[in-house]
Amino acid sequence: MRPRLLWYAETSARRSAQLTGDVLVLLWCLAWVVVGVAAARAVAALAAPVEALSSGSGRTADELREAAGGFSDLPLVGQDAAAPFEAAADAVARLTAGSAGLAERVQDLALLVGVLVPLTPVALVLLLWLPARLRQARRAGAARSLLDAGADPQLFALRALTTQPLARLAAVSPDPVGDWRRGDPAVTSRLAGLELERLGLRGPGRDSAGGRAAGLDRRTGTQD
């Protein structure tokens, strides 16, 4: 059976905190994507002069070849007169090819920068945030499944004894463990309520978003 996931709490305060956190993570990721796009464009702009040089030198090479063709038609000295123009055209053609290759490398670098700039901060946040959210969703989903199945409040009370700060346990009872072992229904109900609050869940039969579940109180035979 696949574990149930409960991504958002049933209590309004906890749900608001989760939504705020999720929105902040989303905004963080979007902000770094924007930064990456801006960085990529800035690097890509460096290729513009190189592309202009490549385009201009290409036209120059064509003009030199046309001039060489014109001189080559001259009788007797045509080949000798055309040779310098052909050599110059070849040199300019090599410059054109080199400029085109450099422009391609700059474009590749721009793409790489656009990916790497946001990758680290986005991946860092996701590696910290996503596993924590997944664990939270699994715990809340498992607890909700147990509640729906009518689990004994003793289970949630026991969990509270192992997860809640000592100060909160002391506020429930001067001897929460002892009272729980003796089966004190009021202490058991309050401990279970603390655990449900930690998970952002409402107890069975509870309509409002805060506090302990009335259903748990009925299960233990007490009223808050």
N, C-alpha and C. Protein backbone atom coordinates (compact mmCIF):
# COMPACT_ATOMS: atom_id res chain seq x y z
N MET A 1 0.85 -1.21 0.00
CA MET A 1 0.00 0.00 0.00
C MET A 1 0.88 1.24 0.00
N ARG A 2 0.63 2.14 -0.94
CA ARG A 2 1.44 3.35 -1.02
C ARG A 2 1.12 4.28 0.13
N PRO A 3 2.14 4.93 0.73
CA PRO A 3 1.88 5.83 1.85
C PRO A 3 1.09 7.05 1.39
N ARG A 4 0.18 7.46 2.22
CA ARG A 4 -0.63 8.63 1.91
C ARG A 4 0.18 9.89 2.16
N LEU A 5 0.06 10.86 1.27
CA LEU A 5 0.76 12.14 1.43
C LEU A 5 -0.25 13.24 1.69
N LEU A 6 -0.01 14.01 2.72
CA LEU A 6 -0.86 15.15 3.03
C LEU A 6 0.04 16.39 2.99
N TRP A 7 0.03 17.06 1.83
CA TRP A 7 0.98 18.13 1.60
C TRP A 7 0.70 19.37 2.44
N TYR A 8 -0.57 19.63 2.74
CA TYR A 8 -0.91 20.84 3.48
C TYR A 8 -1.72 20.49 4.72
N ALA A 9 -1.41 21.19 5.79
CA ALA A 9 -2.04 20.92 7.08
C ALA A 9 -3.52 21.25 7.04
N GLU A 10 -4.24 20.65 7.97
CA GLU A 10 -5.67 20.92 8.09
C GLU A 10 -5.94 22.14 8.97
N THR A 11 -4.99 22.49 9.80
CA THR A 11 -5.14 23.66 10.67
C THR A 11 -4.67 24.90 9.90
N SER A 12 -5.39 25.99 10.06
CA SER A 12 -5.15 27.16 9.22
C SER A 12 -3.77 27.77 9.46
N ALA A 13 -3.33 27.86 10.71
CA ALA A 13 -2.03 28.49 10.99
C ALA A 13 -0.90 27.70 10.36
N ARG A 14 -0.92 26.39 10.54
CA ARG A 14 0.14 25.56 9.96
C ARG A 14 0.07 25.56 8.44
N ARG A 15 -1.14 25.53 7.90
CA ARG A 15 -1.28 25.55 6.44
C ARG A 15 -0.78 26.87 5.86
N SER A 16 -1.06 27.98 6.54
CA SER A 16 -0.58 29.28 6.06
C SER A 16 0.94 29.33 6.06
N ALA A 17 1.56 28.77 7.11
CA ALA A 17 3.02 28.73 7.17
C ALA A 17 3.59 27.89 6.03
N GLN A 18 2.95 26.76 5.73
CA GLN A 18 3.43 25.91 4.65
C GLN A 18 3.29 26.61 3.30
N LEU A 19 2.15 27.25 3.08
CA LEU A 19 1.94 27.96 1.82
C LEU A 19 2.96 29.08 1.65
N THR A 20 3.21 29.81 2.75
CA THR A 20 4.19 30.89 2.69
C THR A 20 5.57 30.35 2.34
N GLY A 21 5.96 29.26 2.99
CA GLY A 21 7.26 28.67 2.69
C GLY A 21 7.36 28.19 1.25
N ASP A 22 6.31 27.56 0.75
CA ASP A 22 6.32 27.06 -0.63
C ASP A 22 6.42 28.22 -1.62
N VAL A 23 5.69 29.29 -1.36
CA VAL A 23 5.73 30.45 -2.26
C VAL A 23 7.11 31.09 -2.24
N LEU A 24 7.73 31.17 -1.05
CA LEU A 24 9.07 31.75 -0.97
C LEU A 24 10.08 30.91 -1.74
N VAL A 25 9.96 29.60 -1.63
CA VAL A 25 10.87 28.72 -2.39
C VAL A 25 10.66 28.92 -3.89
N LEU A 26 9.41 28.99 -4.32
CA LEU A 26 9.11 29.20 -5.73
C LEU A 26 9.68 30.53 -6.22
N LEU A 27 9.50 31.59 -5.43
CA LEU A 27 10.03 32.90 -5.81
C LEU A 27 11.55 32.89 -5.86
N TRP A 28 12.17 32.18 -4.92
CA TRP A 28 13.63 32.06 -4.92
C TRP A 28 14.10 31.40 -6.23
N CYS A 29 13.46 30.31 -6.60
CA CYS A 29 13.85 29.60 -7.82
C CYS A 29 13.63 30.47 -9.05
N LEU A 30 12.48 31.14 -9.12
CA LEU A 30 12.20 32.01 -10.27
C LEU A 30 13.19 33.16 -10.35
N ALA A 31 13.55 33.73 -9.19
CA ALA A 31 14.51 34.84 -9.18
C ALA A 31 15.85 34.40 -9.74
N TRP A 32 16.31 33.22 -9.37
CA TRP A 32 17.60 32.76 -9.86
C TRP A 32 17.53 32.37 -11.33
N VAL A 33 16.38 31.90 -11.79
CA VAL A 33 16.23 31.64 -13.22
C VAL A 33 16.34 32.95 -14.00
N VAL A 34 15.72 34.00 -13.49
CA VAL A 34 15.82 35.32 -14.13
C VAL A 34 17.27 35.79 -14.16
N VAL A 35 17.97 35.61 -13.03
CA VAL A 35 19.38 35.99 -12.98
C VAL A 35 20.19 35.19 -14.00
N GLY A 36 19.90 33.90 -14.11
CA GLY A 36 20.60 33.08 -15.09
C GLY A 36 20.37 33.54 -16.52
N VAL A 37 19.11 33.87 -16.83
CA VAL A 37 18.80 34.36 -18.18
C VAL A 37 19.53 35.67 -18.45
N ALA A 38 19.55 36.57 -17.45
CA ALA A 38 20.24 37.85 -17.63
C ALA A 38 21.73 37.64 -17.84
N ALA A 39 22.33 36.73 -17.07
CA ALA A 39 23.76 36.45 -17.22
C ALA A 39 24.05 35.85 -18.59
N ALA A 40 23.18 34.95 -19.05
CA ALA A 40 23.37 34.35 -20.37
C ALA A 40 23.30 35.40 -21.48
N ARG A 41 22.36 36.32 -21.35
CA ARG A 41 22.24 37.37 -22.35
C ARG A 41 23.45 38.30 -22.34
N ALA A 42 23.97 38.58 -21.13
CA ALA A 42 25.14 39.44 -21.04
C ALA A 42 26.35 38.80 -21.71
N VAL A 43 26.53 37.51 -21.49
CA VAL A 43 27.65 36.81 -22.14
C VAL A 43 27.42 36.71 -23.64
N ALA A 44 26.19 36.41 -24.03
CA ALA A 44 25.89 36.29 -25.47
C ALA A 44 26.11 37.60 -26.20
N ALA A 45 25.93 38.73 -25.50
CA ALA A 45 26.15 40.03 -26.13
C ALA A 45 27.61 40.23 -26.53
N LEU A 46 28.52 39.52 -25.86
CA LEU A 46 29.94 39.62 -26.22
C LEU A 46 30.22 39.04 -27.60
N ALA A 47 29.32 38.19 -28.08
CA ALA A 47 29.52 37.59 -29.40
C ALA A 47 29.14 38.54 -30.53
N ALA A 48 28.40 39.61 -30.23
CA ALA A 48 27.93 40.51 -31.29
C ALA A 48 29.09 41.15 -32.06
N PRO A 49 30.11 41.73 -31.39
CA PRO A 49 31.23 42.30 -32.16
C PRO A 49 31.96 41.25 -32.99
N VAL A 50 32.10 40.03 -32.43
CA VAL A 50 32.79 38.97 -33.16
C VAL A 50 31.99 38.57 -34.39
N GLU A 51 30.67 38.49 -34.25
CA GLU A 51 29.82 38.16 -35.40
C GLU A 51 29.87 39.26 -36.45
N ALA A 52 29.91 40.52 -35.98
CA ALA A 52 30.02 41.63 -36.93
C ALA A 52 31.35 41.57 -37.68
N LEU A 53 32.43 41.24 -36.95
CA LEU A 53 33.74 41.10 -37.60
C LEU A 53 33.73 39.96 -38.61
N SER A 54 33.10 38.84 -38.24
CA SER A 54 33.03 37.70 -39.15
C SER A 54 32.25 38.06 -40.42
N SER A 55 31.14 38.75 -40.24
CA SER A 55 30.33 39.13 -41.40
C SER A 55 31.07 40.12 -42.30
N GLY A 56 31.73 41.12 -41.67
CA GLY A 56 32.47 42.12 -42.46
C GLY A 56 33.66 41.52 -43.18
N SER A 57 34.39 40.65 -42.49
CA SER A 57 35.56 40.03 -43.13
C SER A 57 35.13 39.09 -44.25
N GLY A 58 33.97 38.45 -44.10
CA GLY A 58 33.47 37.60 -45.18
C GLY A 58 33.20 38.41 -46.44
N ARG A 59 32.61 39.59 -46.28
CA ARG A 59 32.36 40.44 -47.45
C ARG A 59 33.67 40.93 -48.06
N THR A 60 34.63 41.24 -47.17
CA THR A 60 35.94 41.70 -47.67
C THR A 60 36.63 40.61 -48.48
N ALA A 61 36.56 39.37 -47.98
CA ALA A 61 37.17 38.26 -48.72
C ALA A 61 36.53 38.09 -50.08
N ASP A 62 35.21 38.23 -50.17
CA ASP A 62 34.53 38.12 -51.46
C ASP A 62 34.97 39.23 -52.42
N GLU A 63 35.11 40.44 -51.89
CA GLU A 63 35.53 41.56 -52.73
C GLU A 63 36.96 41.36 -53.24
N LEU A 64 37.83 40.85 -52.37
CA LEU A 64 39.21 40.60 -52.79
C LEU A 64 39.27 39.53 -53.87
N ARG A 65 38.44 38.51 -53.74
CA ARG A 65 38.41 37.46 -54.77
C ARG A 65 37.88 38.02 -56.10
N GLU A 66 36.90 38.90 -56.02
CA GLU A 66 36.40 39.51 -57.25
C GLU A 66 37.49 40.35 -57.91
N ALA A 67 38.25 41.08 -57.07
CA ALA A 67 39.34 41.88 -57.62
C ALA A 67 40.41 41.00 -58.24
N ALA A 68 40.73 39.88 -57.56
CA ALA A 68 41.72 38.95 -58.11
C ALA A 68 41.24 38.39 -59.44
N GLY A 69 39.94 38.11 -59.53
CA GLY A 69 39.40 37.60 -60.79
C GLY A 69 39.52 38.62 -61.91
N GLY A 70 39.33 39.91 -61.55
CA GLY A 70 39.45 40.95 -62.57
C GLY A 70 40.88 41.09 -63.07
N PHE A 71 41.86 41.04 -62.14
CA PHE A 71 43.26 41.16 -62.56
C PHE A 71 43.74 39.92 -63.31
N SER A 72 43.19 38.77 -63.00
CA SER A 72 43.65 37.54 -63.66
C SER A 72 43.31 37.53 -65.14
N ASP A 73 42.39 38.38 -65.58
CA ASP A 73 42.03 38.45 -66.99
C ASP A 73 43.02 39.27 -67.81
N LEU A 74 43.90 39.99 -67.11
CA LEU A 74 44.88 40.80 -67.84
C LEU A 74 45.88 39.89 -68.54
N PRO A 75 46.25 40.23 -69.75
CA PRO A 75 47.23 39.40 -70.46
C PRO A 75 48.62 39.51 -69.83
N LEU A 76 49.36 38.46 -69.88
CA LEU A 76 50.75 38.35 -69.45
C LEU A 76 50.92 38.47 -67.94
N VAL A 77 50.49 39.57 -67.34
CA VAL A 77 50.74 39.80 -65.90
C VAL A 77 49.52 39.49 -65.04
N GLY A 78 48.50 38.90 -65.64
CA GLY A 78 47.24 38.69 -64.90
C GLY A 78 47.42 37.86 -63.65
N GLN A 79 48.10 36.73 -63.77
CA GLN A 79 48.27 35.85 -62.60
C GLN A 79 49.11 36.51 -61.53
N ASP A 80 50.18 37.17 -61.94
CA ASP A 80 51.04 37.84 -60.95
C ASP A 80 50.29 38.97 -60.26
N ALA A 81 49.48 39.70 -61.00
CA ALA A 81 48.74 40.81 -60.41
C ALA A 81 47.64 40.31 -59.48
N ALA A 82 47.05 39.16 -59.81
CA ALA A 82 45.95 38.64 -59.00
C ALA A 82 46.44 37.93 -57.74
N ALA A 83 47.71 37.46 -57.74
CA ALA A 83 48.21 36.64 -56.62
C ALA A 83 48.10 37.35 -55.28
N PRO A 84 48.52 38.64 -55.14
CA PRO A 84 48.39 39.29 -53.82
C PRO A 84 46.94 39.38 -53.32
N PHE A 85 46.03 39.61 -54.26
CA PHE A 85 44.62 39.70 -53.87
C PHE A 85 44.09 38.34 -53.42
N GLU A 86 44.51 37.27 -54.10
CA GLU A 86 44.07 35.93 -53.69
C GLU A 86 44.64 35.56 -52.33
N ALA A 87 45.91 35.94 -52.10
CA ALA A 87 46.53 35.65 -50.79
C ALA A 87 45.80 36.42 -49.68
N ALA A 88 45.49 37.68 -49.97
CA ALA A 88 44.78 38.48 -48.98
C ALA A 88 43.38 37.92 -48.73
N ALA A 89 42.74 37.46 -49.82
CA ALA A 89 41.40 36.88 -49.66
C ALA A 89 41.44 35.62 -48.81
N ASP A 90 42.48 34.80 -49.00
CA ASP A 90 42.61 33.58 -48.19
C ASP A 90 42.84 33.93 -46.72
N ALA A 91 43.66 34.94 -46.46
CA ALA A 91 43.93 35.34 -45.08
C ALA A 91 42.66 35.86 -44.40
N VAL A 92 41.91 36.68 -45.15
CA VAL A 92 40.67 37.21 -44.59
C VAL A 92 39.66 36.09 -44.38
N ALA A 93 39.65 35.10 -45.27
CA ALA A 93 38.73 33.97 -45.12
C ALA A 93 39.06 33.18 -43.86
N ARG A 94 40.36 33.01 -43.57
CA ARG A 94 40.74 32.31 -42.33
C ARG A 94 40.30 33.11 -41.11
N LEU A 95 40.43 34.44 -41.20
CA LEU A 95 39.96 35.29 -40.10
C LEU A 95 38.45 35.16 -39.92
N THR A 96 37.74 35.06 -41.04
CA THR A 96 36.28 34.91 -40.97
C THR A 96 35.90 33.60 -40.28
N ALA A 97 36.58 32.52 -40.68
CA ALA A 97 36.29 31.22 -40.07
C ALA A 97 36.61 31.22 -38.57
N GLY A 98 37.76 31.83 -38.23
CA GLY A 98 38.11 31.90 -36.81
C GLY A 98 37.12 32.73 -36.01
N SER A 99 36.66 33.83 -36.59
CA SER A 99 35.68 34.68 -35.91
C SER A 99 34.36 33.95 -35.72
N ALA A 100 33.94 33.20 -36.73
CA ALA A 100 32.69 32.45 -36.62
C ALA A 100 32.80 31.39 -35.53
N GLY A 101 33.94 30.69 -35.47
CA GLY A 101 34.13 29.69 -34.41
C GLY A 101 34.13 30.32 -33.04
N LEU A 102 34.77 31.49 -32.92
CA LEU A 102 34.79 32.18 -31.63
C LEU A 102 33.39 32.60 -31.22
N ALA A 103 32.60 33.08 -32.17
CA ALA A 103 31.22 33.48 -31.86
C ALA A 103 30.41 32.28 -31.38
N GLU A 104 30.60 31.13 -31.99
CA GLU A 104 29.89 29.92 -31.56
C GLU A 104 30.29 29.52 -30.14
N ARG A 105 31.58 29.64 -29.84
CA ARG A 105 32.03 29.29 -28.48
C ARG A 105 31.46 30.26 -27.45
N VAL A 106 31.36 31.53 -27.81
CA VAL A 106 30.76 32.50 -26.88
C VAL A 106 29.29 32.17 -26.64
N GLN A 107 28.58 31.78 -27.68
CA GLN A 107 27.17 31.39 -27.52
C GLN A 107 27.04 30.15 -26.65
N ASP A 108 27.94 29.19 -26.83
CA ASP A 108 27.91 28.00 -25.98
C ASP A 108 28.20 28.37 -24.53
N LEU A 109 29.15 29.29 -24.33
CA LEU A 109 29.46 29.74 -22.97
C LEU A 109 28.26 30.45 -22.34
N ALA A 110 27.54 31.23 -23.14
CA ALA A 110 26.36 31.92 -22.62
C ALA A 110 25.32 30.92 -22.15
N LEU A 111 25.11 29.86 -22.92
CA LEU A 111 24.16 28.82 -22.51
C LEU A 111 24.61 28.14 -21.23
N LEU A 112 25.91 27.85 -21.14
CA LEU A 112 26.43 27.20 -19.94
C LEU A 112 26.27 28.09 -18.71
N VAL A 113 26.56 29.38 -18.87
CA VAL A 113 26.41 30.33 -17.75
C VAL A 113 24.94 30.41 -17.34
N GLY A 114 24.04 30.45 -18.33
CA GLY A 114 22.62 30.53 -18.02
C GLY A 114 22.11 29.34 -17.23
N VAL A 115 22.75 28.18 -17.40
CA VAL A 115 22.34 26.99 -16.65
C VAL A 115 23.02 26.93 -15.29
N LEU A 116 24.33 27.22 -15.25
CA LEU A 116 25.10 27.04 -14.01
C LEU A 116 24.81 28.11 -12.97
N VAL A 117 24.53 29.33 -13.39
CA VAL A 117 24.30 30.41 -12.41
C VAL A 117 23.11 30.09 -11.50
N PRO A 118 21.94 29.69 -12.02
CA PRO A 118 20.84 29.37 -11.10
C PRO A 118 20.90 27.96 -10.53
N LEU A 119 21.71 27.09 -11.13
CA LEU A 119 21.66 25.68 -10.74
C LEU A 119 22.03 25.47 -9.27
N THR A 120 23.13 26.06 -8.82
CA THR A 120 23.60 25.82 -7.45
C THR A 120 22.62 26.33 -6.39
N PRO A 121 22.21 27.62 -6.44
CA PRO A 121 21.27 28.07 -5.40
C PRO A 121 19.93 27.38 -5.44
N VAL A 122 19.43 27.09 -6.65
CA VAL A 122 18.14 26.41 -6.75
C VAL A 122 18.25 24.97 -6.23
N ALA A 123 19.30 24.27 -6.64
CA ALA A 123 19.48 22.89 -6.19
C ALA A 123 19.68 22.83 -4.69
N LEU A 124 20.42 23.78 -4.13
CA LEU A 124 20.66 23.79 -2.68
C LEU A 124 19.37 23.93 -1.91
N VAL A 125 18.52 24.86 -2.33
CA VAL A 125 17.25 25.07 -1.64
C VAL A 125 16.35 23.85 -1.79
N LEU A 126 16.29 23.30 -3.00
CA LEU A 126 15.43 22.14 -3.22
C LEU A 126 15.91 20.93 -2.42
N LEU A 127 17.22 20.75 -2.30
CA LEU A 127 17.74 19.62 -1.54
C LEU A 127 17.44 19.75 -0.05
N LEU A 128 17.32 20.98 0.43
CA LEU A 128 16.98 21.19 1.84
C LEU A 128 15.48 21.20 2.07
N TRP A 129 14.74 21.78 1.13
CA TRP A 129 13.31 21.98 1.32
C TRP A 129 12.48 20.77 0.95
N LEU A 130 12.75 20.18 -0.21
CA LEU A 130 11.89 19.11 -0.71
C LEU A 130 11.89 17.87 0.20
N PRO A 131 13.04 17.36 0.66
CA PRO A 131 12.98 16.20 1.56
C PRO A 131 12.22 16.49 2.85
N ALA A 132 12.40 17.70 3.39
CA ALA A 132 11.68 18.06 4.62
C ALA A 132 10.17 18.11 4.37
N ARG A 133 9.76 18.67 3.24
CA ARG A 133 8.34 18.74 2.93
C ARG A 133 7.77 17.34 2.69
N LEU A 134 8.56 16.48 2.06
CA LEU A 134 8.11 15.12 1.80
C LEU A 134 7.93 14.34 3.10
N ARG A 135 8.90 14.47 4.01
CA ARG A 135 8.77 13.80 5.32
C ARG A 135 7.55 14.31 6.06
N GLN A 136 7.34 15.60 6.03
CA GLN A 136 6.18 16.19 6.70
C GLN A 136 4.88 15.66 6.12
N ALA A 137 4.82 15.61 4.78
CA ALA A 137 3.60 15.13 4.12
C ALA A 137 3.34 13.66 4.44
N ARG A 138 4.40 12.87 4.51
CA ARG A 138 4.23 11.45 4.83
C ARG A 138 3.75 11.26 6.27
N ARG A 139 4.35 12.00 7.20
CA ARG A 139 3.94 11.85 8.59
C ARG A 139 2.50 12.28 8.78
N ALA A 140 2.15 13.43 8.20
CA ALA A 140 0.77 13.91 8.34
C ALA A 140 -0.20 12.94 7.65
N GLY A 141 0.17 12.42 6.49
CA GLY A 141 -0.69 11.48 5.79
C GLY A 141 -0.89 10.19 6.57
N ALA A 142 0.22 9.68 7.16
CA ALA A 142 0.11 8.46 7.95
C ALA A 142 -0.77 8.68 9.17
N ALA A 143 -0.60 9.83 9.83
CA ALA A 143 -1.41 10.12 11.01
C ALA A 143 -2.88 10.28 10.63
N ARG A 144 -3.15 10.93 9.51
CA ARG A 144 -4.54 11.10 9.08
C ARG A 144 -5.17 9.75 8.78
N SER A 145 -4.41 8.84 8.16
CA SER A 145 -4.93 7.50 7.89
C SER A 145 -5.28 6.77 9.18
N LEU A 146 -4.41 6.91 10.19
CA LEU A 146 -4.68 6.28 11.48
C LEU A 146 -5.91 6.88 12.14
N LEU A 147 -6.04 8.21 12.05
CA LEU A 147 -7.23 8.85 12.64
C LEU A 147 -8.50 8.37 11.95
N ASP A 148 -8.45 8.29 10.63
CA ASP A 148 -9.63 7.85 9.88
C ASP A 148 -9.98 6.41 10.21
N ALA A 149 -8.96 5.63 10.58
CA ALA A 149 -9.20 4.23 10.93
C ALA A 149 -9.61 4.06 12.39
N GLY A 150 -9.71 5.18 13.14
CA GLY A 150 -10.13 5.12 14.53
C GLY A 150 -9.04 4.70 15.49
N ALA A 151 -7.78 5.16 15.23
CA ALA A 151 -6.67 4.79 16.10
C ALA A 151 -6.89 5.29 17.52
N ASP A 152 -6.38 4.54 18.49
CA ASP A 152 -6.48 4.89 19.90
C ASP A 152 -5.66 6.15 20.17
N PRO A 153 -6.22 7.14 20.88
CA PRO A 153 -5.47 8.35 21.21
C PRO A 153 -4.18 8.07 21.98
N GLN A 154 -4.08 6.90 22.62
CA GLN A 154 -2.86 6.54 23.34
C GLN A 154 -1.65 6.59 22.41
N LEU A 155 -1.87 6.22 21.15
CA LEU A 155 -0.76 6.21 20.20
C LEU A 155 -0.21 7.62 20.00
N PHE A 156 -1.11 8.59 19.80
CA PHE A 156 -0.66 9.96 19.58
C PHE A 156 -0.11 10.57 20.87
N ALA A 157 -0.66 10.16 22.00
CA ALA A 157 -0.12 10.62 23.27
C ALA A 157 1.30 10.13 23.46
N LEU A 158 1.56 8.88 23.10
CA LEU A 158 2.91 8.34 23.20
C LEU A 158 3.86 9.08 22.28
N ARG A 159 3.41 9.38 21.09
CA ARG A 159 4.25 10.14 20.17
C ARG A 159 4.57 11.51 20.72
N ALA A 160 3.59 12.13 21.35
CA ALA A 160 3.82 13.45 21.93
C ALA A 160 4.89 13.39 23.01
N LEU A 161 4.89 12.32 23.80
CA LEU A 161 5.88 12.19 24.86
C LEU A 161 7.30 12.10 24.32
N THR A 162 7.44 11.65 23.08
CA THR A 162 8.78 11.50 22.50
C THR A 162 9.16 12.64 21.56
N THR A 163 8.21 13.49 21.18
CA THR A 163 8.52 14.55 20.21
C THR A 163 8.35 15.96 20.76
N GLN A 164 7.54 16.14 21.78
CA GLN A 164 7.24 17.48 22.26
C GLN A 164 8.34 18.00 23.19
N PRO A 165 8.59 19.31 23.18
CA PRO A 165 9.54 19.89 24.14
C PRO A 165 9.07 19.65 25.58
N LEU A 166 10.02 19.59 26.48
CA LEU A 166 9.70 19.32 27.88
C LEU A 166 8.79 20.40 28.46
N ALA A 167 8.99 21.63 28.03
CA ALA A 167 8.16 22.71 28.57
C ALA A 167 6.68 22.50 28.22
N ARG A 168 6.41 22.04 27.02
CA ARG A 168 5.02 21.80 26.63
C ARG A 168 4.44 20.60 27.37
N LEU A 169 5.27 19.58 27.58
CA LEU A 169 4.79 18.43 28.35
C LEU A 169 4.50 18.82 29.79
N ALA A 170 5.35 19.68 30.36
CA ALA A 170 5.13 20.12 31.74
C ALA A 170 3.86 20.95 31.86
N ALA A 171 3.49 21.65 30.78
CA ALA A 171 2.26 22.43 30.82
C ALA A 171 1.03 21.53 30.81
N VAL A 172 1.17 20.32 30.31
CA VAL A 172 0.05 19.37 30.29
C VAL A 172 -0.14 18.76 31.67
N SER A 173 0.97 18.36 32.30
CA SER A 173 0.87 17.69 33.59
C SER A 173 2.25 17.72 34.27
N PRO A 174 2.27 17.81 35.60
CA PRO A 174 3.56 17.74 36.29
C PRO A 174 4.25 16.39 36.08
N ASP A 175 3.48 15.36 35.81
CA ASP A 175 4.03 14.04 35.58
C ASP A 175 3.33 13.42 34.37
N PRO A 176 3.65 13.92 33.15
CA PRO A 176 2.90 13.46 31.98
C PRO A 176 3.09 11.97 31.69
N VAL A 177 4.30 11.46 31.90
CA VAL A 177 4.54 10.04 31.64
C VAL A 177 3.77 9.17 32.62
N GLY A 178 3.84 9.56 33.89
CA GLY A 178 3.12 8.80 34.91
C GLY A 178 1.63 8.82 34.68
N ASP A 179 1.09 10.01 34.39
CA ASP A 179 -0.35 10.11 34.14
C ASP A 179 -0.74 9.31 32.90
N TRP A 180 0.12 9.32 31.89
CA TRP A 180 -0.18 8.55 30.68
C TRP A 180 -0.16 7.05 31.00
N ARG A 181 0.81 6.60 31.78
CA ARG A 181 0.87 5.18 32.14
C ARG A 181 -0.35 4.76 32.96
N ARG A 182 -0.82 5.67 33.81
CA ARG A 182 -2.00 5.36 34.63
C ARG A 182 -3.29 5.47 33.82
N GLY A 183 -3.18 5.92 32.59
CA GLY A 183 -4.35 6.01 31.72
C GLY A 183 -5.23 7.20 32.02
N ASP A 184 -4.64 8.29 32.55
CA ASP A 184 -5.43 9.49 32.82
C ASP A 184 -6.02 9.99 31.51
N PRO A 185 -7.35 10.00 31.37
CA PRO A 185 -7.95 10.36 30.08
C PRO A 185 -7.72 11.81 29.69
N ALA A 186 -7.72 12.73 30.67
CA ALA A 186 -7.52 14.14 30.35
C ALA A 186 -6.11 14.39 29.84
N VAL A 187 -5.12 13.80 30.52
CA VAL A 187 -3.73 13.97 30.09
C VAL A 187 -3.49 13.30 28.74
N THR A 188 -4.07 12.13 28.57
CA THR A 188 -3.93 11.43 27.29
C THR A 188 -4.51 12.27 26.16
N SER A 189 -5.67 12.87 26.40
CA SER A 189 -6.30 13.70 25.38
C SER A 189 -5.45 14.91 25.03
N ARG A 190 -4.90 15.55 26.06
CA ARG A 190 -4.09 16.74 25.81
C ARG A 190 -2.78 16.39 25.10
N LEU A 191 -2.18 15.28 25.49
CA LEU A 191 -0.96 14.85 24.81
C LEU A 191 -1.24 14.52 23.34
N ALA A 192 -2.32 13.81 23.10
CA ALA A 192 -2.68 13.49 21.72
C ALA A 192 -2.95 14.76 20.92
N GLY A 193 -3.57 15.74 21.56
CA GLY A 193 -3.84 17.00 20.90
C GLY A 193 -2.55 17.72 20.51
N LEU A 194 -1.53 17.64 21.38
CA LEU A 194 -0.24 18.25 21.06
C LEU A 194 0.38 17.61 19.81
N GLU A 195 0.28 16.30 19.73
CA GLU A 195 0.86 15.61 18.57
C GLU A 195 0.11 15.96 17.29
N LEU A 196 -1.21 16.00 17.37
CA LEU A 196 -1.99 16.38 16.19
C LEU A 196 -1.70 17.82 15.78
N GLU A 197 -1.51 18.68 16.76
CA GLU A 197 -1.18 20.07 16.46
C GLU A 197 0.18 20.15 15.76
N ARG A 198 1.13 19.34 16.21
CA ARG A 198 2.45 19.33 15.59
C ARG A 198 2.36 18.90 14.12
N LEU A 199 1.47 17.97 13.84
CA LEU A 199 1.31 17.47 12.48
C LEU A 199 0.36 18.33 11.66
N GLY A 200 -0.27 19.30 12.27
CA GLY A 200 -1.21 20.15 11.56
C GLY A 200 -2.52 19.47 11.24
N LEU A 201 -2.96 18.56 12.11
CA LEU A 201 -4.18 17.79 11.85
C LEU A 201 -5.27 18.16 12.83
N ARG A 202 -6.51 18.02 12.36
CA ARG A 202 -7.66 18.10 13.25
C ARG A 202 -8.03 16.68 13.66
N GLY A 203 -8.50 16.55 14.87
CA GLY A 203 -8.97 15.25 15.32
C GLY A 203 -10.33 14.93 14.72
N PRO A 204 -10.79 13.71 14.86
CA PRO A 204 -12.11 13.34 14.33
C PRO A 204 -13.22 14.13 15.01
N GLY A 205 -14.14 14.63 14.20
CA GLY A 205 -15.27 15.39 14.73
C GLY A 205 -14.95 16.82 15.04
N ARG A 206 -13.75 17.31 14.60
CA ARG A 206 -13.37 18.69 14.88
C ARG A 206 -13.62 19.54 13.65
N ASP A 207 -14.36 20.62 13.78
CA ASP A 207 -14.68 21.47 12.64
C ASP A 207 -13.72 22.63 12.50
N SER A 208 -13.23 23.15 13.62
CA SER A 208 -12.35 24.31 13.56
C SER A 208 -10.93 23.87 13.32
N ALA A 209 -10.05 24.87 13.06
CA ALA A 209 -8.68 24.55 12.65
C ALA A 209 -7.74 24.41 13.82
N GLY A 210 -8.05 24.91 15.00
CA GLY A 210 -7.09 24.88 16.09
C GLY A 210 -7.56 24.03 17.24
N GLY A 211 -6.65 23.85 18.18
CA GLY A 211 -6.99 23.15 19.41
C GLY A 211 -6.96 21.67 19.26
N ARG A 212 -7.43 20.96 20.30
CA ARG A 212 -7.47 19.50 20.30
C ARG A 212 -8.78 18.99 19.75
N ALA A 213 -8.76 17.78 19.33
CA ALA A 213 -9.94 17.19 18.70
C ALA A 213 -10.95 16.79 19.74
N ALA A 214 -12.21 17.20 19.50
CA ALA A 214 -13.27 16.79 20.42
C ALA A 214 -13.47 15.29 20.37
N GLY A 215 -13.24 14.73 19.19
CA GLY A 215 -13.39 13.29 19.06
C GLY A 215 -12.43 12.54 19.95
N LEU A 216 -11.22 13.06 20.11
CA LEU A 216 -10.27 12.40 21.00
C LEU A 216 -10.75 12.48 22.44
N ASP A 217 -11.32 13.62 22.79
CA ASP A 217 -11.84 13.75 24.15
C ASP A 217 -12.96 12.74 24.40
N ARG A 218 -13.82 12.54 23.39
CA ARG A 218 -14.89 11.57 23.57
C ARG A 218 -14.34 10.16 23.68
N ARG A 219 -13.25 9.88 22.92
CA ARG A 219 -12.67 8.55 22.99
C ARG A 219 -12.11 8.26 24.36
N THR A 220 -11.58 9.30 25.03
CA THR A 220 -10.99 9.12 26.35
C THR A 220 -11.98 9.39 27.49
N GLY A 221 -13.19 9.87 27.12
CA GLY A 221 -14.23 10.04 28.11
C GLY A 221 -14.15 11.31 28.89
N THR A 222 -13.47 12.39 28.35
CA THR A 222 -13.36 13.65 29.07
C THR A 222 -13.81 14.77 28.16
N GLN A 223 -14.00 15.93 28.74
CA GLN A 223 -14.30 17.16 28.00
C GLN A 223 -13.28 18.20 28.39
N ASP A 224 -12.78 18.98 27.39
CA ASP A 224 -11.87 20.09 27.71
C ASP A 224 -12.67 21.24 28.32
